[in-house]
Amino acid sequence: MLDSNPPISNPLVSNGLVSNSQAQVSPSSPHRQQAPKPNNAAVLQTDTVTLSAKSIALCNQALESNPSQTLPAQPKRPNEGEKIEGYVEFKKAKMQYQIYADMANIATGRDNNVSPATVYYLSNNDDARAATLNAKAQQQQIASMQTYVETNQESNNT
């Protein structure tokens, strides 16, 4: 298997073992750790990578042709001005439509699910909440009456 990105050598870590200089903690620290003791079978090795003159020249050429750029402190937003105002109006209209659709579904008894926007609307609007509760109460009364009629018809038929 070809490895297109060979590992970069690190003098502190080699073959998974940490060298003693990295693992030791200063004597003034409250938590002292023992440096790992390598067993006799493990041998510390360092890997080195050499770059050709052509690769160094290409790297220098890339740095010269693309100088580093400082980024502005505040990035520009893609939706500024009229775009963001239009987007906000669109989202408001979409939420308002969702509320109207949920309220119609509650009133007709077609769906018991409501969106988070409708829940928020009902929690902050006493009149709408009262109308919703009245609609649900009427639906429950109608269902009870239908069950009563069906039960009486079955008992009269037998």
Protein backbone atom coordinates (compact mmCIF):
# COMPACT_ATOMS: atom_id res chain seq x y z
CA MET A 1 0.00 0.00 0.00
CA LEU A 2 1.38 3.39 -0.96
CA ASP A 3 1.41 6.07 1.69
CA SER A 4 1.14 9.42 -0.08
CA ASN A 5 1.58 11.33 3.18
CA PRO A 6 4.53 9.87 5.08
CA PRO A 7 4.57 10.59 8.82
CA ILE A 8 6.46 13.67 9.96
CA SER A 9 9.14 12.94 12.49
CA ASN A 10 8.62 14.18 16.02
CA PRO A 11 11.57 13.88 18.37
CA LEU A 12 9.26 13.52 21.37
CA VAL A 13 7.17 10.64 20.08
CA SER A 14 8.57 7.65 18.30
CA ASN A 15 6.94 4.25 17.72
CA GLY A 16 4.13 5.09 20.12
CA LEU A 17 6.46 5.67 23.08
CA VAL A 18 6.72 9.07 24.69
CA SER A 19 10.20 10.23 25.53
CA ASN A 20 11.07 10.99 29.11
CA SER A 21 11.43 14.73 28.50
CA GLN A 22 7.73 15.07 27.59
CA ALA A 23 6.27 12.89 30.34
CA GLN A 24 8.02 14.46 33.31
CA VAL A 25 6.20 17.09 35.31
CA SER A 26 7.95 19.93 37.08
CA PRO A 27 8.66 19.33 40.79
CA SER A 28 6.49 22.32 41.76
CA SER A 29 3.33 20.87 40.20
CA PRO A 30 0.84 19.21 42.56
CA HIS A 31 0.46 16.13 40.35
CA ARG A 32 3.64 14.21 39.74
CA GLN A 33 3.72 11.53 37.11
CA GLN A 34 6.23 8.85 36.52
CA ALA A 35 7.84 8.82 33.13
CA PRO A 36 6.97 5.65 31.21
CA LYS A 37 9.75 3.12 31.30
CA PRO A 38 10.30 1.57 27.91
CA ASN A 39 10.75 -2.16 28.00
CA ASN A 40 13.89 -3.65 26.56
CA ALA A 41 12.12 -4.91 23.43
CA ALA A 42 11.09 -1.44 22.24
CA VAL A 43 13.78 0.62 20.57
CA LEU A 44 13.39 4.35 20.14
CA GLN A 45 13.66 5.34 16.50
CA THR A 46 13.15 8.61 14.72
CA ASP A 47 11.81 8.90 11.22
CA THR A 48 13.16 11.59 8.96
CA VAL A 49 11.81 13.06 5.76
CA THR A 50 14.01 14.71 3.19
CA LEU A 51 12.63 17.12 0.63
CA SER A 52 14.07 17.42 -2.83
CA ALA A 53 15.36 20.72 -4.16
CA LYS A 54 12.45 20.81 -6.63
CA SER A 55 9.83 20.43 -3.87
CA ILE A 56 11.47 23.18 -1.82
CA ALA A 57 11.50 25.47 -4.88
CA LEU A 58 7.82 24.75 -5.58
CA CYS A 59 6.94 25.50 -1.95
CA ASN A 60 8.82 28.80 -2.04
CA GLN A 61 7.20 29.69 -5.38
CA ALA A 62 3.73 29.00 -3.95
CA LEU A 63 4.45 31.19 -0.93
CA GLU A 64 5.66 34.04 -3.14
CA SER A 65 2.73 33.86 -5.58
CA ASN A 66 0.11 33.59 -2.81
CA PRO A 67 1.17 35.92 -0.01
CA SER A 68 -0.58 35.48 3.28
CA GLN A 69 -3.72 37.55 3.68
CA THR A 70 -5.14 38.95 6.86
CA LEU A 71 -8.83 38.29 7.28
CA PRO A 72 -11.20 41.03 8.45
CA ALA A 73 -12.21 40.97 12.10
CA GLN A 74 -15.89 40.64 11.19
CA PRO A 75 -16.75 38.44 8.21
CA LYS A 76 -19.28 39.76 5.73
CA ARG A 77 -22.63 38.07 5.86
CA PRO A 78 -23.95 36.76 2.57
CA ASN A 79 -27.48 38.03 3.24
CA GLU A 80 -27.29 41.71 4.05
CA GLY A 81 -29.74 44.52 3.45
CA GLU A 82 -32.78 43.71 1.36
CA LYS A 83 -31.93 40.01 1.12
CA ILE A 84 -32.07 39.49 4.87
CA GLU A 85 -35.25 41.56 5.20
CA GLY A 86 -36.90 39.50 2.49
CA TYR A 87 -35.78 36.29 4.16
CA VAL A 88 -37.16 37.41 7.53
CA GLU A 89 -40.50 38.30 5.92
CA PHE A 90 -40.57 34.91 4.20
CA LYS A 91 -39.93 33.06 7.47
CA LYS A 92 -42.62 35.09 9.25
CA ALA A 93 -45.14 34.31 6.52
CA LYS A 94 -44.21 30.63 6.61
CA MET A 95 -44.68 30.43 10.39
CA GLN A 96 -47.97 32.33 10.16
CA TYR A 97 -49.22 29.91 7.50
CA GLN A 98 -48.18 26.97 9.69
CA ILE A 99 -50.13 28.42 12.62
CA TYR A 100 -53.23 28.93 10.46
CA ALA A 101 -52.96 25.41 9.04
CA ASP A 102 -52.59 23.88 12.52
CA MET A 103 -55.53 25.89 13.85
CA ALA A 104 -57.70 24.75 10.92
CA ASN A 105 -56.70 21.14 11.55
CA ILE A 106 -57.53 21.47 15.24
CA ALA A 107 -60.91 23.05 14.47
CA THR A 108 -61.87 20.34 11.99
CA GLY A 109 -60.39 17.50 14.03
CA ARG A 110 -58.27 16.20 11.17
CA ASP A 111 -54.93 16.27 12.94
CA ASN A 112 -53.85 16.34 16.57
CA ASN A 113 -50.27 17.37 15.84
CA VAL A 114 -49.19 20.99 16.12
CA SER A 115 -45.95 22.70 15.19
CA PRO A 116 -43.68 24.45 17.70
CA ALA A 117 -44.73 27.80 16.23
CA THR A 118 -48.39 27.00 16.96
CA VAL A 119 -47.55 25.91 20.50
CA TYR A 120 -45.75 29.21 21.06
CA TYR A 121 -48.68 31.14 19.57
CA LEU A 122 -51.20 29.31 21.76
CA SER A 123 -49.10 29.78 24.89
CA ASN A 124 -49.02 33.56 24.35
CA ASN A 125 -52.57 34.11 23.02
CA ASP A 126 -55.38 33.47 25.51
CA ASP A 127 -58.21 33.85 22.98
CA ALA A 128 -56.69 31.36 20.56
CA ARG A 129 -56.01 28.91 23.39
CA ALA A 130 -59.63 29.18 24.61
CA ALA A 131 -60.94 28.66 21.06
CA THR A 132 -58.71 25.60 20.66
CA LEU A 133 -59.93 24.10 23.94
CA ASN A 134 -63.57 24.75 22.97
CA ALA A 135 -63.03 23.07 19.60
CA LYS A 136 -61.42 20.04 21.27
CA ALA A 137 -64.26 19.85 23.82
CA GLN A 138 -66.87 19.92 21.04
CA GLN A 139 -65.01 17.19 19.14
CA GLN A 140 -64.94 15.04 22.28
CA GLN A 141 -68.69 15.59 22.87
CA ILE A 142 -69.47 14.64 19.26
CA ALA A 143 -67.36 11.49 19.57
CA SER A 144 -69.16 10.57 22.81
CA MET A 145 -72.58 11.11 21.20
CA GLN A 146 -71.60 8.97 18.20
CA THR A 147 -70.48 6.18 20.51
CA TYR A 148 -73.77 6.45 22.44
CA VAL A 149 -75.83 6.26 19.24
CA GLU A 150 -73.89 3.25 17.96
CA THR A 151 -74.26 1.45 21.30
CA ASN A 152 -78.04 2.11 21.42
CA GLN A 153 -78.51 0.91 17.84
CA GLU A 154 -76.65 -2.34 18.57
CA SER A 155 -78.69 -2.95 21.74
CA ASN A 156 -81.99 -2.23 19.94
CA ASN A 157 -81.12 -4.56 17.07
CA THR A 158 -80.55 -7.53 19.35
